[in-house]
N, C-alpha and C. Protein backbone atom coordinates (compact mmCIF):
# COMPACT_ATOMS: atom_id res chain seq x y z
N UNK A 1 26.70 -14.39 19.48
CA UNK A 1 27.61 -13.97 18.65
C UNK A 1 28.88 -14.66 18.95
N UNK A 2 28.79 -13.77 20.51
CA UNK A 2 29.81 -12.81 21.17
C UNK A 2 30.69 -14.70 21.26
N UNK A 3 30.48 -15.05 22.01
CA UNK A 3 31.24 -16.54 22.32
C UNK A 3 31.47 -16.78 21.27
N UNK A 4 31.02 -17.25 20.11
CA UNK A 4 31.38 -17.75 18.96
C UNK A 4 32.97 -16.94 18.40
N UNK A 5 32.71 -15.67 18.00
CA UNK A 5 33.73 -14.51 17.90
C UNK A 5 34.98 -14.74 19.08
N UNK A 6 35.34 -15.01 20.41
CA UNK A 6 35.47 -15.40 20.81
C UNK A 6 36.36 -16.88 20.54
N UNK A 7 35.70 -17.67 20.16
CA UNK A 7 36.37 -18.93 19.92
C UNK A 7 37.46 -19.23 18.90
N UNK A 8 36.66 -18.31 17.98
CA UNK A 8 36.99 -17.88 16.68
C UNK A 8 39.04 -17.18 16.56
N UNK A 9 38.00 -15.81 17.39
CA UNK A 9 39.65 -15.26 18.00
C UNK A 9 40.35 -16.08 18.28
N UNK A 10 40.12 -17.38 19.47
CA UNK A 10 41.05 -18.01 20.41
C UNK A 10 42.25 -18.89 18.87
N UNK A 11 40.66 -20.15 18.97
CA UNK A 11 41.44 -20.56 17.55
C UNK A 11 42.74 -19.89 16.77
N UNK A 12 42.02 -19.25 15.82
CA UNK A 12 43.11 -18.16 15.15
C UNK A 12 44.31 -18.31 15.56
N UNK A 13 44.24 -17.08 16.94
CA UNK A 13 45.35 -17.42 17.82
C UNK A 13 46.38 -18.17 17.51
N UNK A 14 45.77 -19.27 18.47
CA UNK A 14 46.39 -20.59 19.00
C UNK A 14 47.51 -21.48 17.11
N UNK A 15 46.67 -20.92 15.94
CA UNK A 15 47.06 -21.60 14.79
C UNK A 15 48.17 -20.69 14.43
N UNK A 16 48.05 -19.45 14.86
CA UNK A 16 49.00 -18.08 14.25
C UNK A 16 50.41 -18.84 15.17
N UNK A 17 50.31 -18.56 16.27
CA UNK A 17 51.20 -19.07 17.40
C UNK A 17 52.24 -20.71 16.85
N UNK A 18 51.71 -21.50 16.40
CA UNK A 18 51.89 -22.97 15.66
C UNK A 18 52.40 -22.54 14.51
N UNK A 19 52.26 -21.95 13.90
CA UNK A 19 53.10 -21.57 12.70
C UNK A 19 54.29 -22.13 12.72
N UNK A 20 55.58 -21.84 11.40
CA UNK A 20 56.84 -21.67 11.78
C UNK A 20 57.05 -20.08 10.51
N UNK A 21 57.34 -19.69 11.23
CA UNK A 21 57.84 -18.35 10.10
C UNK A 21 58.94 -17.80 9.69
N UNK A 22 59.87 -18.00 9.26
CA UNK A 22 61.05 -17.56 8.95
C UNK A 22 61.52 -16.39 8.83
N UNK A 23 62.89 -16.23 9.50
CA UNK A 23 63.24 -15.10 9.50
C UNK A 23 63.93 -15.20 8.98
N UNK A 24 64.76 -14.47 7.54
CA UNK A 24 63.64 -12.97 7.09
C UNK A 24 62.83 -13.58 6.77
N UNK A 25 61.33 -12.84 6.13
CA UNK A 25 60.63 -13.81 6.06
C UNK A 25 60.59 -13.51 4.20
N UNK A 26 60.49 -14.43 3.53
CA UNK A 26 59.77 -15.00 2.28
C UNK A 26 58.46 -15.73 1.98
N UNK A 27 57.84 -15.34 1.04
CA UNK A 27 56.14 -15.50 0.77
C UNK A 27 56.95 -17.56 0.64
N UNK A 28 57.71 -17.72 -0.65
CA UNK A 28 57.77 -18.99 -1.26
C UNK A 28 58.46 -19.54 0.72
N UNK A 29 60.07 -18.88 1.53
CA UNK A 29 60.12 -20.01 2.37
C UNK A 29 59.43 -20.21 3.71
N UNK A 30 57.93 -19.34 3.63
CA UNK A 30 57.39 -18.97 4.01
C UNK A 30 56.25 -20.27 3.66
N UNK A 31 56.11 -20.33 2.87
CA UNK A 31 55.22 -21.64 2.27
C UNK A 31 55.68 -23.08 2.47
N UNK A 32 56.68 -23.44 1.96
CA UNK A 32 57.81 -23.99 2.13
C UNK A 32 57.77 -24.93 3.30
N UNK A 33 58.27 -24.01 4.89
CA UNK A 33 57.89 -24.41 6.08
C UNK A 33 57.14 -24.99 6.54
N UNK A 34 55.58 -24.28 5.90
CA UNK A 34 53.76 -24.97 6.66
C UNK A 34 53.67 -25.57 6.38
N UNK A 35 54.71 -26.46 4.29
CA UNK A 35 54.40 -27.44 4.06
C UNK A 35 55.34 -28.61 5.08
N UNK A 36 56.46 -28.75 5.40
CA UNK A 36 57.06 -29.20 5.92
C UNK A 36 56.05 -29.97 7.71
N UNK A 37 55.88 -28.61 8.07
CA UNK A 37 55.32 -28.53 8.85
C UNK A 37 53.79 -29.46 8.87
N UNK A 38 53.03 -29.36 7.65
CA UNK A 38 51.51 -30.07 7.42
C UNK A 38 51.96 -31.66 7.02
N UNK A 39 53.25 -31.89 7.08
CA UNK A 39 53.67 -33.34 6.47
C UNK A 39 53.10 -33.25 4.85
N UNK A 40 52.96 -32.08 4.40
CA UNK A 40 52.39 -32.44 3.04
C UNK A 40 53.00 -31.46 1.86
N UNK A 41 53.64 -31.31 0.72
CA UNK A 41 53.57 -30.53 -0.56
C UNK A 41 52.83 -29.35 -0.37
N UNK A 42 53.32 -28.24 -1.04
CA UNK A 42 52.19 -26.83 -1.29
C UNK A 42 53.25 -26.75 -2.22
N UNK A 43 52.92 -27.29 -3.78
CA UNK A 43 52.97 -25.95 -4.28
C UNK A 43 52.16 -24.72 -5.07
N UNK A 44 53.32 -23.71 -4.85
CA UNK A 44 52.39 -21.77 -5.22
C UNK A 44 52.70 -22.01 -7.51
N UNK A 45 52.03 -21.56 -7.60
CA UNK A 45 51.49 -21.71 -9.31
C UNK A 45 49.94 -20.47 -9.49
N UNK A 46 51.44 -19.72 -10.09
CA UNK A 46 50.71 -17.99 -10.63
C UNK A 46 50.34 -17.72 -11.71
N UNK A 47 49.06 -17.62 -11.99
CA UNK A 47 48.87 -17.46 -12.69
C UNK A 47 48.08 -15.96 -13.57
N UNK A 48 48.07 -15.52 -13.97
CA UNK A 48 46.80 -14.76 -14.85
C UNK A 48 45.41 -14.14 -13.93
N UNK A 49 44.89 -13.43 -13.08
CA UNK A 49 44.30 -12.37 -12.96
C UNK A 49 43.00 -12.93 -13.70
N UNK A 50 41.96 -13.51 -13.94
CA UNK A 50 40.79 -12.84 -14.53
C UNK A 50 40.01 -12.28 -13.73
N UNK A 51 38.95 -11.23 -14.34
CA UNK A 51 37.87 -10.07 -14.07
C UNK A 51 36.58 -11.93 -13.95
N UNK A 52 36.60 -11.65 -12.48
CA UNK A 52 35.45 -11.81 -11.79
C UNK A 52 35.60 -13.44 -11.46
N UNK A 53 36.93 -13.74 -11.01
CA UNK A 53 37.88 -15.22 -10.96
C UNK A 53 37.92 -14.90 -9.15
N UNK A 54 38.18 -15.43 -8.67
CA UNK A 54 38.55 -15.75 -7.19
C UNK A 54 40.05 -15.10 -6.99
N UNK A 55 40.33 -14.19 -6.32
CA UNK A 55 41.81 -13.71 -6.36
C UNK A 55 42.48 -15.04 -5.79
N UNK A 56 42.30 -15.77 -5.31
CA UNK A 56 43.13 -17.11 -4.82
C UNK A 56 42.74 -17.96 -5.41
N UNK A 57 43.31 -19.08 -5.44
CA UNK A 57 42.43 -20.96 -5.49
C UNK A 57 43.16 -21.70 -4.81
N UNK A 58 42.47 -22.78 -3.54
CA UNK A 58 43.83 -23.58 -3.13
C UNK A 58 42.84 -24.88 -3.74
N UNK A 59 43.37 -25.80 -4.35
CA UNK A 59 42.79 -27.02 -5.46
C UNK A 59 44.05 -28.26 -3.99
N UNK A 60 43.24 -29.63 -3.73
CA UNK A 60 43.87 -30.03 -2.94
C UNK A 60 44.02 -31.58 -3.90
N UNK A 61 44.84 -32.04 -3.66
CA UNK A 61 44.94 -33.39 -4.79
C UNK A 61 45.40 -34.53 -4.07
N UNK A 62 45.52 -35.74 -4.52
CA UNK A 62 45.56 -37.25 -3.61
C UNK A 62 47.00 -36.71 -3.01
N UNK A 63 47.84 -35.96 -3.98
CA UNK A 63 49.11 -35.95 -3.88
C UNK A 63 50.06 -34.93 -3.14
N UNK A 64 49.32 -33.55 -3.52
CA UNK A 64 49.87 -32.11 -3.11
C UNK A 64 48.56 -31.23 -2.58
N UNK A 65 48.76 -29.66 -2.30
CA UNK A 65 48.32 -29.03 -2.14
C UNK A 65 48.70 -27.63 -3.08
N UNK A 66 47.64 -27.04 -4.12
CA UNK A 66 47.84 -26.20 -4.88
C UNK A 66 47.56 -24.99 -5.07
N UNK A 67 48.45 -24.27 -4.27
CA UNK A 67 47.65 -23.02 -4.73
C UNK A 67 47.88 -21.96 -5.59
N UNK A 68 47.15 -21.00 -6.38
CA UNK A 68 47.17 -20.20 -7.56
C UNK A 68 46.68 -18.86 -7.52
N UNK A 69 47.32 -18.51 -7.27
CA UNK A 69 48.09 -16.98 -7.18
C UNK A 69 47.89 -16.32 -8.55
N UNK A 70 47.64 -14.96 -8.40
CA UNK A 70 47.37 -14.33 -9.52
C UNK A 70 48.98 -13.12 -9.35
N UNK A 71 49.54 -13.39 -10.91
CA UNK A 71 50.52 -12.87 -10.86
C UNK A 71 50.62 -11.10 -11.26
N UNK A 72 49.84 -10.89 -11.67
CA UNK A 72 49.20 -8.96 -12.23
C UNK A 72 48.38 -8.57 -10.56
N UNK A 73 49.42 -8.60 -10.15
CA UNK A 73 49.14 -7.47 -8.68
C UNK A 73 49.89 -7.61 -8.11
N UNK A 74 50.10 -6.84 -7.12
CA UNK A 74 51.39 -6.09 -5.91
C UNK A 74 51.66 -7.63 -5.40
N UNK A 75 53.06 -7.62 -4.81
CA UNK A 75 53.50 -8.40 -4.13
C UNK A 75 52.93 -8.51 -2.69
N UNK A 76 52.66 -7.43 -2.49
CA UNK A 76 51.59 -7.15 -1.03
C UNK A 76 50.20 -7.79 -0.72
N UNK A 77 49.73 -7.78 -2.05
CA UNK A 77 48.61 -8.65 -2.13
C UNK A 77 48.50 -9.84 -2.17
N UNK A 78 49.64 -10.29 -3.52
CA UNK A 78 50.62 -11.80 -3.16
C UNK A 78 50.91 -12.38 -2.16
N UNK A 79 51.13 -11.96 -0.93
CA UNK A 79 51.54 -12.20 -0.19
C UNK A 79 50.28 -12.83 1.16
N UNK A 80 49.01 -11.48 0.92
CA UNK A 80 47.91 -11.77 1.53
C UNK A 80 47.51 -13.27 0.66
N UNK A 81 47.35 -13.11 -0.25
CA UNK A 81 46.27 -14.07 -0.90
C UNK A 81 46.55 -15.39 -0.66
N UNK A 82 48.05 -15.07 -0.79
CA UNK A 82 49.43 -17.13 -0.29
C UNK A 82 48.83 -17.15 0.76
N UNK A 83 48.69 -16.02 2.21
CA UNK A 83 48.76 -16.50 3.35
C UNK A 83 46.90 -17.07 3.80
N UNK A 84 46.55 -16.35 2.68
CA UNK A 84 44.38 -16.54 3.26
C UNK A 84 44.02 -18.27 2.34
N UNK A 85 44.91 -18.51 2.02
CA UNK A 85 45.15 -19.04 0.80
C UNK A 85 45.65 -21.01 2.30
N UNK A 86 46.81 -20.61 2.25
CA UNK A 86 47.82 -21.10 3.29
C UNK A 86 46.43 -21.21 4.36
N UNK A 87 45.37 -20.36 5.17
CA UNK A 87 45.30 -20.21 6.62
C UNK A 87 44.53 -21.79 6.11
N UNK A 88 43.41 -21.72 5.03
CA UNK A 88 42.47 -22.74 4.79
C UNK A 88 42.73 -24.04 5.02
N UNK A 89 44.09 -24.14 4.97
CA UNK A 89 44.99 -25.26 4.56
C UNK A 89 45.11 -25.91 6.23
N UNK A 90 46.18 -24.49 7.36
CA UNK A 90 46.60 -24.59 8.26
C UNK A 90 44.79 -25.19 9.21
N UNK A 91 43.95 -24.37 8.63
CA UNK A 91 42.65 -24.63 9.37
C UNK A 91 41.52 -25.97 9.10
N UNK A 92 42.55 -26.74 8.57
CA UNK A 92 41.68 -28.22 7.92
C UNK A 92 40.40 -28.31 7.20
N UNK A 93 40.09 -26.82 6.35
CA UNK A 93 38.97 -26.47 5.92
C UNK A 93 39.01 -27.65 4.73
N UNK A 94 37.70 -27.83 4.24
CA UNK A 94 37.72 -29.11 3.11
C UNK A 94 37.35 -28.45 2.19
N UNK A 95 36.46 -27.24 2.08
CA UNK A 95 35.71 -26.64 0.83
C UNK A 95 34.01 -27.34 0.85
N UNK A 96 33.94 -27.67 -0.12
CA UNK A 96 32.42 -27.94 -0.70
C UNK A 96 32.10 -27.53 -2.04
N UNK A 97 32.94 -26.97 -2.43
CA UNK A 97 33.11 -26.78 -4.34
C UNK A 97 33.09 -27.30 -5.02
N UNK A 98 32.89 -28.13 -5.99
CA UNK A 98 33.30 -29.94 -7.01
C UNK A 98 33.80 -28.44 -7.77
N UNK A 99 35.31 -29.22 -8.57
CA UNK A 99 35.43 -28.83 -9.34
C UNK A 99 35.61 -29.44 -10.84
N UNK A 100 34.73 -28.72 -12.01
CA UNK A 100 33.97 -30.16 -12.76
C UNK A 100 35.47 -29.88 -13.96
N UNK A 101 35.92 -31.39 -14.67
CA UNK A 101 36.95 -31.40 -15.49
C UNK A 101 37.35 -30.99 -16.85
N UNK A 102 36.51 -29.99 -17.14
CA UNK A 102 37.23 -28.95 -17.44
C UNK A 102 38.15 -27.42 -17.42
N UNK A 103 37.07 -27.75 -15.74
CA UNK A 103 37.80 -26.38 -15.49
C UNK A 103 38.99 -26.62 -14.76
N UNK A 104 39.29 -27.88 -14.41
CA UNK A 104 40.17 -28.40 -14.40
C UNK A 104 41.45 -28.35 -15.77
N UNK A 105 41.19 -28.66 -16.06
CA UNK A 105 41.96 -28.59 -18.07
C UNK A 105 42.25 -27.55 -18.20
N UNK A 106 41.85 -26.72 -17.37
CA UNK A 106 41.74 -25.51 -17.84
C UNK A 106 42.70 -24.53 -17.10
N UNK A 107 42.77 -24.85 -15.61
CA UNK A 107 43.99 -24.35 -14.51
C UNK A 107 44.64 -25.14 -14.78
N UNK A 108 44.87 -26.23 -14.81
CA UNK A 108 45.76 -27.00 -14.19
C UNK A 108 45.53 -28.03 -15.62
N UNK A 109 46.53 -28.41 -16.23
CA UNK A 109 46.91 -28.67 -17.81
C UNK A 109 47.59 -30.18 -17.79
N UNK A 110 48.16 -30.10 -16.29
CA UNK A 110 49.26 -31.06 -16.47
C UNK A 110 48.52 -32.25 -15.46
N UNK A 111 47.87 -31.90 -14.87
CA UNK A 111 47.08 -32.13 -13.90
C UNK A 111 46.07 -33.80 -14.05
N UNK A 112 45.80 -35.19 -13.70
CA UNK A 112 44.47 -35.46 -14.64
C UNK A 112 43.45 -35.18 -13.42
N UNK A 113 41.77 -34.85 -14.34
CA UNK A 113 40.88 -34.14 -13.50
C UNK A 113 40.50 -35.31 -12.65
N UNK A 114 40.96 -36.25 -12.39
CA UNK A 114 40.40 -36.80 -11.74
C UNK A 114 41.01 -36.96 -10.41
N UNK A 115 41.98 -36.85 -10.57
CA UNK A 115 42.97 -36.18 -9.02
C UNK A 115 42.89 -35.56 -8.05
N UNK A 116 42.31 -34.38 -9.43
CA UNK A 116 41.45 -33.27 -8.30
C UNK A 116 40.02 -33.34 -7.14
N UNK A 117 40.44 -33.43 -5.90
CA UNK A 117 38.94 -33.54 -5.23
C UNK A 117 38.32 -32.49 -4.87
N UNK A 118 38.62 -31.29 -4.52
CA UNK A 118 38.42 -30.37 -3.92
C UNK A 118 39.01 -29.05 -4.41
N UNK A 119 37.93 -28.12 -4.36
CA UNK A 119 38.43 -26.91 -4.74
C UNK A 119 37.97 -25.92 -4.13
N UNK A 120 38.61 -24.83 -3.40
CA UNK A 120 38.15 -23.61 -2.71
C UNK A 120 38.88 -22.49 -3.21
N UNK A 121 38.01 -21.47 -2.90
CA UNK A 121 38.10 -20.41 -3.76
C UNK A 121 37.30 -19.04 -2.84
N UNK A 122 38.08 -18.05 -2.59
CA UNK A 122 37.26 -16.76 -2.39
C UNK A 122 35.83 -16.70 -2.66
N UNK A 123 34.68 -16.66 -1.75
CA UNK A 123 33.46 -16.90 -2.59
C UNK A 123 32.95 -15.37 -0.81
N UNK A 124 32.29 -16.01 -0.36
CA UNK A 124 31.72 -14.86 0.52
C UNK A 124 32.15 -14.59 1.89
N UNK A 125 33.11 -13.62 2.17
CA UNK A 125 33.44 -12.89 3.75
C UNK A 125 32.85 -14.08 5.03
N UNK A 126 31.13 -13.55 4.46
CA UNK A 126 30.04 -13.72 5.85
C UNK A 126 30.23 -15.44 6.38
N UNK A 127 30.91 -16.59 5.67
CA UNK A 127 31.22 -17.56 5.92
C UNK A 127 32.15 -17.77 6.63
N UNK A 128 31.72 -18.88 7.32
CA UNK A 128 33.00 -19.24 8.85
C UNK A 128 34.29 -19.36 8.62
N UNK A 129 34.22 -20.29 7.27
CA UNK A 129 35.49 -21.03 7.13
C UNK A 129 36.63 -19.88 6.39
N UNK A 130 35.79 -18.93 5.72
CA UNK A 130 35.91 -17.69 5.36
C UNK A 130 36.54 -16.40 5.80
N UNK A 131 35.82 -16.68 6.89
CA UNK A 131 36.45 -15.28 7.87
C UNK A 131 37.72 -15.63 8.97
N UNK A 132 37.60 -17.65 9.25
CA UNK A 132 38.59 -17.89 10.03
C UNK A 132 39.94 -18.18 9.64
N UNK A 133 40.13 -18.10 7.90
CA UNK A 133 40.54 -18.26 7.14
C UNK A 133 41.05 -16.36 7.25
N UNK A 134 40.63 -15.50 6.48
CA UNK A 134 41.10 -14.63 6.60
C UNK A 134 41.31 -13.72 7.93
N UNK A 135 40.91 -14.00 8.91
CA UNK A 135 41.12 -13.48 10.72
C UNK A 135 42.72 -14.43 10.33
N UNK A 136 43.13 -15.31 10.26
CA UNK A 136 44.42 -15.59 10.48
C UNK A 136 45.48 -16.18 10.03
N UNK A 137 45.24 -15.11 8.66
CA UNK A 137 46.17 -14.81 7.53
C UNK A 137 46.25 -13.32 7.25
N UNK A 138 45.55 -12.92 8.27
CA UNK A 138 46.18 -11.34 9.48
C UNK A 138 47.40 -11.47 10.38
N UNK A 139 46.06 -12.67 11.36
CA UNK A 139 47.20 -12.51 12.05
C UNK A 139 48.46 -13.61 11.90
N UNK A 140 48.53 -13.89 11.02
CA UNK A 140 50.21 -14.00 10.27
C UNK A 140 50.77 -13.25 9.94
N UNK A 141 50.27 -11.89 9.26
CA UNK A 141 50.58 -11.04 8.54
C UNK A 141 51.40 -10.19 9.51
N UNK A 142 50.50 -9.88 10.67
CA UNK A 142 50.91 -9.09 11.96
C UNK A 142 52.54 -9.54 13.00
N UNK A 143 52.42 -10.99 12.73
CA UNK A 143 53.73 -11.73 13.08
C UNK A 143 54.57 -11.12 12.43
N UNK A 144 54.70 -10.87 10.93
CA UNK A 144 55.73 -10.58 9.94
C UNK A 144 56.01 -9.28 9.86
N UNK A 145 54.90 -8.59 10.06
CA UNK A 145 55.03 -7.51 10.23
C UNK A 145 56.35 -6.20 11.08
N UNK A 146 56.31 -7.72 12.35
CA UNK A 146 57.30 -7.25 13.14
C UNK A 146 58.34 -7.97 13.46
N UNK A 147 58.11 -9.33 12.34
CA UNK A 147 60.17 -9.41 12.11
C UNK A 147 61.01 -8.06 11.16
N UNK A 148 61.89 -8.40 12.66
CA UNK A 148 63.29 -8.13 10.97
C UNK A 148 63.67 -8.12 10.41
N UNK A 149 63.28 -6.87 9.68
CA UNK A 149 63.87 -7.07 7.85
C UNK A 149 64.98 -6.16 7.86
N UNK A 150 65.70 -6.28 6.86
CA UNK A 150 66.97 -5.45 6.27
C UNK A 150 66.14 -5.86 4.70
N UNK A 151 66.73 -4.42 4.78
CA UNK A 151 66.80 -3.56 3.06
C UNK A 151 67.75 -4.48 2.45
N UNK A 152 67.07 -4.68 0.73
CA UNK A 152 67.90 -5.32 -0.05
C UNK A 152 69.39 -5.69 -0.17
N UNK A 153 70.59 -6.30 -0.27
CA UNK A 153 71.87 -5.82 -0.85
C UNK A 153 71.35 -4.38 -1.86
N UNK A 154 72.82 -3.50 -1.34
CA UNK A 154 72.72 -2.08 -2.16
C UNK A 154 71.94 -1.89 -2.22
N UNK A 155 70.65 -1.56 -1.66
CA UNK A 155 69.30 -1.03 -1.99
C UNK A 155 69.41 0.73 -2.17
N UNK A 156 69.41 1.09 -2.22
CA UNK A 156 69.60 3.11 -3.17
C UNK A 156 69.67 3.73 -1.38
N UNK A 157 70.44 4.54 -0.56
CA UNK A 157 69.51 5.10 0.66
C UNK A 157 68.55 5.75 1.00
N UNK A 158 67.57 5.70 0.40
CA UNK A 158 66.36 6.80 -0.05
C UNK A 158 65.41 5.50 0.65
N UNK A 159 65.68 4.04 0.47
CA UNK A 159 65.24 2.92 0.28
C UNK A 159 65.19 2.19 1.99
N UNK A 160 66.57 2.06 2.29
CA UNK A 160 66.92 2.28 3.60
C UNK A 160 66.23 2.63 4.28
N UNK A 161 66.48 4.60 4.35
CA UNK A 161 65.54 5.58 5.33
C UNK A 161 63.83 5.14 5.39
N UNK A 162 63.59 4.49 4.29
CA UNK A 162 62.06 4.48 4.37
C UNK A 162 61.80 3.06 5.33
N UNK A 163 62.70 1.99 5.24
CA UNK A 163 62.11 0.91 5.52
C UNK A 163 62.66 1.16 7.42
N UNK A 164 63.66 1.80 7.47
CA UNK A 164 64.33 1.63 8.89
C UNK A 164 62.51 2.57 9.60
N UNK A 165 62.19 3.79 8.71
CA UNK A 165 61.21 4.78 8.83
C UNK A 165 59.48 4.24 9.48
N UNK A 166 59.24 3.53 7.84
CA UNK A 166 57.92 2.63 7.82
C UNK A 166 57.77 1.10 8.17
N UNK A 167 59.33 0.46 8.21
CA UNK A 167 59.17 -0.70 8.47
C UNK A 167 59.01 -1.58 6.89
N UNK A 168 60.10 -3.22 6.76
CA UNK A 168 59.72 -3.43 5.27
C UNK A 168 59.32 -3.63 4.68
N UNK A 169 59.34 -3.73 3.33
CA UNK A 169 58.18 -3.72 2.32
C UNK A 169 58.29 -5.70 2.48
N UNK A 170 57.16 -6.19 2.12
CA UNK A 170 56.73 -7.82 2.09
C UNK A 170 57.82 -7.71 0.58
N UNK A 171 58.37 -9.13 1.08
CA UNK A 171 59.50 -9.76 -0.22
C UNK A 171 58.72 -11.66 -0.94
N UNK A 172 58.77 -11.76 -2.17
CA UNK A 172 58.72 -13.10 -1.79
C UNK A 172 59.67 -13.74 -1.78
């Protein structure tokens, strides 16, 4: 198990080092940079979160990858969900769960169910792909946290002081 953990950490560090991280960091520009890096479109789809549903969902079609993420959660949580789903893409995870046509129409009414080939959702963290995606997302988040950030223009003085003291808040 120790050898597998070392291999997992090594692979995730290498992937994290290869990912373009924009400065200043914004989730939208990060996802766009990853899409360009991969040579394949990634579309973000905000959806209302429902009880019992996965936090994030990655759907792959012949045309693009779609990341569904909850709008009714914090920006920090949204950022982590998006990084986790992007990590699945960077790791080359293909997923095993097929989505049925009814679920496809409910989640993505503008896409033909025949286009959707596979779906990845957060399930059990003990699974190797989930562990790998979570570790990679965390390593990318660490790199983002070390980036220099400026408070938004016109921010109140107390926000500027808090940013200097604790670091910047995540921004989409």
